[in-house]
């Protein structure tokens, strides 16, 4: 197929937002990999370091189990509330879980963060469904669906590098002569989680302001966030087509 024909009419705004969602979620999820062992050493989950892989398995299993449990629920809610609210809830849930994880001072708090993440996020399936509804023309689908593995792997590369550069090494956690600890010494793993949580909140803001609902029965309802985004774009001199609810109100 001719590339020019494939790009013509491509839903760029929608796909940029969805790609941003996938990219930030990938960074957030993979950023935990480099420091999971020293993280649990810092939490003092066990005096025997050979037991720590078992605790890593507990965290991973809790997250996966909660995701399995919640997937069907969020899939159903995506048909009732729409795709956009479910995607927003998933990103906010992931951001909150990262903040809890970064500031955790016990294994229980770390486990709670994984429960929050697993129970609130089912965005993988929702994003794929939404992509199929955004790129409904066959000529756009190959390009649209190829963006997600690209964004995931790009995030997979950046996440560990970013996190490993922002954490405070355990060798630098000794207090000063007065026994005081700096913020980064008290919370050595907080900074990467704060930075990535902020990136998720920014992606959520883009989702609220720019993303159009794709559910066939709900896409024409009034969307306050999208309406505000349209007003901002008009102030910036960007032309915006009238929304379905504006046409209804004008009659």
Protein backbone atom coordinates (compact mmCIF):
# COMPACT_ATOMS: atom_id res chain seq x y z
CA UNK A 1 0.00 0.00 0.00
CA UNK A 2 1.23 3.51 -0.82
CA UNK A 3 2.53 5.27 2.33
CA UNK A 4 0.84 8.55 1.40
CA UNK A 5 -2.50 6.79 1.08
CA UNK A 6 -1.94 5.02 4.40
CA UNK A 7 -1.21 8.25 6.28
CA UNK A 8 -4.04 10.23 4.67
CA UNK A 9 -6.81 10.69 7.22
CA UNK A 10 -4.83 8.94 9.93
CA UNK A 11 -6.18 9.84 13.44
CA UNK A 12 -2.96 11.45 14.65
CA UNK A 13 -4.34 13.19 17.77
CA UNK A 14 -5.97 10.02 19.04
CA UNK A 15 -2.97 7.81 18.32
CA UNK A 16 -0.48 10.26 19.82
CA UNK A 17 -2.42 10.23 23.10
CA UNK A 18 -2.73 6.43 23.12
CA UNK A 19 0.97 6.08 22.30
CA UNK A 20 1.81 8.46 25.13
CA UNK A 21 -0.27 6.32 27.49
CA UNK A 22 1.52 3.15 26.42
CA UNK A 23 4.92 4.83 26.56
CA UNK A 24 4.54 6.29 30.08
CA UNK A 25 3.02 3.06 31.45
CA UNK A 26 5.90 1.06 29.98
CA UNK A 27 8.49 3.37 31.57
CA UNK A 28 6.68 3.21 34.91
CA UNK A 29 6.41 -0.58 34.95
CA UNK A 30 9.94 -1.37 33.80
CA UNK A 31 11.59 1.28 35.97
CA UNK A 32 11.15 -1.02 38.99
CA UNK A 33 13.36 -3.79 37.62
CA UNK A 34 16.89 -2.42 38.33
CA UNK A 35 16.43 -1.78 42.04
CA UNK A 36 13.91 -4.35 43.29
CA UNK A 37 16.59 -6.31 45.20
CA UNK A 38 18.19 -3.33 47.03
CA UNK A 39 14.67 -1.94 47.55
CA UNK A 40 13.69 -5.01 49.57
CA UNK A 41 17.07 -5.01 51.35
CA UNK A 42 16.31 -1.42 52.42
CA UNK A 43 12.86 -2.50 53.69
CA UNK A 44 14.59 -5.21 55.74
CA UNK A 45 12.10 -7.89 54.71
CA UNK A 46 14.48 -10.62 55.84
CA UNK A 47 17.79 -10.94 57.63
CA UNK A 48 18.75 -13.61 55.11
CA UNK A 49 19.29 -12.05 51.68
CA UNK A 50 18.74 -15.43 50.02
CA UNK A 51 15.04 -15.09 50.99
CA UNK A 52 14.58 -11.83 49.08
CA UNK A 53 13.78 -13.47 45.69
CA UNK A 54 10.78 -15.05 47.43
CA UNK A 55 9.51 -11.59 48.44
CA UNK A 56 10.06 -10.35 44.89
CA UNK A 57 7.84 -13.23 43.74
CA UNK A 58 5.18 -12.22 46.29
CA UNK A 59 5.05 -8.68 44.88
CA UNK A 60 4.92 -9.85 41.26
CA UNK A 61 2.28 -12.49 42.01
CA UNK A 62 0.08 -10.06 43.92
CA UNK A 63 0.14 -7.61 41.03
CA UNK A 64 -0.62 -10.31 38.44
CA UNK A 65 -3.41 -11.87 40.53
CA UNK A 66 -5.13 -8.52 41.05
CA UNK A 67 -4.82 -7.73 37.35
CA UNK A 68 -6.46 -11.06 36.46
CA UNK A 69 -9.28 -10.38 38.93
CA UNK A 70 -9.91 -6.81 37.80
CA UNK A 71 -9.56 -7.25 34.03
CA UNK A 72 -13.08 -8.55 33.48
CA UNK A 73 -14.53 -5.83 35.70
CA UNK A 74 -12.76 -2.99 33.89
CA UNK A 75 -13.61 -4.51 30.53
CA UNK A 76 -17.28 -4.40 31.51
CA UNK A 77 -16.98 -0.86 32.86
CA UNK A 78 -15.37 0.25 29.59
CA UNK A 79 -18.63 -0.73 27.89
CA UNK A 80 -20.72 1.11 30.49
CA UNK A 81 -18.70 4.24 31.25
CA UNK A 82 -16.70 4.40 28.04
CA UNK A 83 -13.07 3.71 27.15
CA UNK A 84 -11.76 7.11 28.18
CA UNK A 85 -12.79 7.02 31.90
CA UNK A 86 -11.32 3.52 32.31
CA UNK A 87 -8.01 4.58 30.73
CA UNK A 88 -7.87 7.65 33.00
CA UNK A 89 -8.59 5.58 36.12
CA UNK A 90 -5.88 3.10 35.09
CA UNK A 91 -3.23 5.79 34.69
CA UNK A 92 -4.13 7.56 37.94
CA UNK A 93 -4.12 4.21 39.76
CA UNK A 94 -0.67 3.40 38.39
CA UNK A 95 0.64 6.85 39.38
CA UNK A 96 -0.70 6.48 42.95
CA UNK A 97 0.75 2.98 43.24
CA UNK A 98 4.17 4.28 42.21
CA UNK A 99 4.07 7.01 44.84
CA UNK A 100 3.11 4.47 47.52
CA UNK A 101 5.88 2.17 46.30
CA UNK A 102 8.50 4.89 46.29
CA UNK A 103 7.73 6.12 49.82
CA UNK A 104 7.09 2.67 51.32
CA UNK A 105 8.88 1.95 54.57
CA UNK A 106 7.62 -1.59 54.97
CA UNK A 107 6.92 -4.65 52.86
CA UNK A 108 3.19 -4.24 53.63
CA UNK A 109 3.18 -0.78 52.02
CA UNK A 110 5.02 -2.16 48.98
CA UNK A 111 2.42 -4.92 48.72
CA UNK A 112 -0.40 -2.37 48.96
CA UNK A 113 1.13 -0.47 46.04
CA UNK A 114 1.03 -3.62 43.93
CA UNK A 115 -2.58 -4.28 44.91
CA UNK A 116 -3.53 -0.73 43.88
CA UNK A 117 -1.77 -1.13 40.57
CA UNK A 118 -3.29 -4.53 39.80
CA UNK A 119 -6.84 -3.62 40.82
CA UNK A 120 -6.99 -0.23 39.08
CA UNK A 121 -5.26 -0.92 35.78
CA UNK A 122 -6.47 -2.97 32.86
CA UNK A 123 -5.23 -0.54 30.24
CA UNK A 124 -3.46 -3.06 28.03
CA UNK A 125 -6.73 -4.59 26.80
CA UNK A 126 -8.58 -1.27 26.79
CA UNK A 127 -5.88 0.43 24.72
CA UNK A 128 -6.00 -2.33 22.11
CA UNK A 129 -9.80 -2.15 21.90
CA UNK A 130 -9.66 1.62 21.65
CA UNK A 131 -7.02 1.46 18.91
CA UNK A 132 -9.27 -0.79 16.84
CA UNK A 133 -12.08 1.76 17.19
CA UNK A 134 -9.82 4.73 16.43
CA UNK A 135 -8.15 3.14 13.40
CA UNK A 136 -11.34 1.63 12.02
CA UNK A 137 -10.20 1.96 8.43
CA UNK A 138 -8.18 -1.06 7.31
CA UNK A 139 -5.49 1.08 5.66
CA UNK A 140 -4.67 2.69 9.02
CA UNK A 141 -4.59 -0.43 11.18
CA UNK A 142 -1.11 -1.75 10.42
CA UNK A 143 0.45 1.60 11.28
CA UNK A 144 -1.73 2.11 14.36
CA UNK A 145 -1.11 -1.31 15.90
CA UNK A 146 2.63 -1.20 15.16
CA UNK A 147 3.00 1.89 17.34
CA UNK A 148 2.35 0.04 20.59
CA UNK A 149 5.21 -2.47 20.55
CA UNK A 150 7.41 0.43 19.42
CA UNK A 151 6.32 2.61 22.36
CA UNK A 152 6.52 -0.30 24.81
CA UNK A 153 10.08 -1.21 23.84
CA UNK A 154 11.14 2.43 23.82
CA UNK A 155 9.78 2.77 27.35
CA UNK A 156 11.33 -0.57 28.30
CA UNK A 157 14.70 0.89 27.33
CA UNK A 158 14.29 4.25 29.08
CA UNK A 159 12.56 3.09 32.29
CA UNK A 160 15.44 1.10 33.85
CA UNK A 161 18.03 3.67 32.78
CA UNK A 162 16.03 6.54 34.26
CA UNK A 163 15.32 4.75 37.54
CA UNK A 164 18.88 3.54 38.07
CA UNK A 165 20.16 7.10 37.61
CA UNK A 166 17.71 8.60 40.13
CA UNK A 167 17.83 6.17 43.06
CA UNK A 168 20.14 6.76 46.01
CA UNK A 169 22.65 3.87 46.34
CA UNK A 170 22.46 1.96 49.62
CA UNK A 171 26.13 2.79 50.21
CA UNK A 172 25.15 6.48 50.62
CA UNK A 173 22.45 5.99 53.26
CA UNK A 174 24.61 6.50 56.34
CA UNK A 175 23.38 9.42 58.53
CA UNK A 176 25.60 12.41 59.29
CA UNK A 177 27.49 12.90 62.57
CA UNK A 178 24.31 14.10 64.28
CA UNK A 179 22.34 11.06 63.12
CA UNK A 180 20.26 13.04 60.62
CA UNK A 181 19.14 11.73 57.25
CA UNK A 182 18.43 13.76 54.14
CA UNK A 183 15.17 13.23 52.27
CA UNK A 184 16.89 11.09 49.63
CA UNK A 185 18.55 9.00 52.32
CA UNK A 186 15.27 8.40 54.14
CA UNK A 187 13.44 7.62 50.88
CA UNK A 188 16.18 6.40 48.52
CA UNK A 189 13.72 5.04 45.95
CA UNK A 190 11.20 7.88 46.00
CA UNK A 191 12.68 10.17 43.32
CA UNK A 192 12.27 7.88 40.26
CA UNK A 193 8.74 7.04 41.34
CA UNK A 194 7.82 10.70 41.84
CA UNK A 195 9.23 11.63 38.42
CA UNK A 196 7.40 8.78 36.69
CA UNK A 197 4.17 9.42 38.59
CA UNK A 198 4.32 13.03 37.37
CA UNK A 199 4.79 11.79 33.80
CA UNK A 200 1.69 9.62 34.22
CA UNK A 201 -0.32 12.58 35.55
CA UNK A 202 0.80 14.65 32.54
CA UNK A 203 -0.24 11.83 30.18
CA UNK A 204 -3.57 11.70 32.01
CA UNK A 205 -4.03 15.44 31.45
CA UNK A 206 -3.41 14.96 27.72
CA UNK A 207 -5.93 12.13 27.75
CA UNK A 208 -8.55 14.31 29.45
CA UNK A 209 -8.05 17.32 27.16
CA UNK A 210 -7.37 15.71 23.77
CA UNK A 211 -8.75 12.20 23.62
CA UNK A 212 -12.17 11.51 22.09
CA UNK A 213 -14.35 8.73 23.43
CA UNK A 214 -14.45 5.81 20.97
CA UNK A 215 -17.33 3.71 22.31
CA UNK A 216 -19.87 3.59 19.45
CA UNK A 217 -22.83 4.43 21.72
CA UNK A 218 -21.06 6.96 23.95
CA UNK A 219 -18.76 8.90 21.63
CA UNK A 220 -21.33 11.65 20.95
CA UNK A 221 -22.04 12.51 24.60
CA UNK A 222 -20.76 15.73 26.13
CA UNK A 223 -17.15 15.52 27.32
CA UNK A 224 -16.14 18.38 29.64
CA UNK A 225 -12.41 17.61 29.38
CA UNK A 226 -12.44 17.46 25.59
CA UNK A 227 -14.50 20.66 25.47
CA UNK A 228 -11.86 22.42 27.61
CA UNK A 229 -9.14 21.01 25.36
CA UNK A 230 -10.93 22.37 22.29
CA UNK A 231 -11.11 25.84 23.87
CA UNK A 232 -7.39 25.75 24.66
CA UNK A 233 -6.55 24.70 21.10
CA UNK A 234 -8.71 27.48 19.66
CA UNK A 235 -6.88 30.01 21.87
CA UNK A 236 -3.64 28.66 20.39
CA UNK A 237 -4.98 29.23 16.87
CA UNK A 238 -5.58 25.56 16.11
CA UNK A 239 -8.76 24.83 14.20
CA UNK A 240 -11.13 22.33 15.82
CA UNK A 241 -14.12 20.73 14.14
CA UNK A 242 -17.49 21.17 15.89
CA UNK A 243 -18.31 18.36 18.32
CA UNK A 244 -21.52 16.31 18.06
CA UNK A 245 -22.94 17.82 21.27
CA UNK A 246 -22.38 21.36 19.88
CA UNK A 247 -24.39 20.47 16.78
CA UNK A 248 -27.23 19.11 18.96
CA UNK A 249 -27.29 22.26 21.12
CA UNK A 250 -27.34 24.52 18.08
CA UNK A 251 -30.54 23.01 16.73
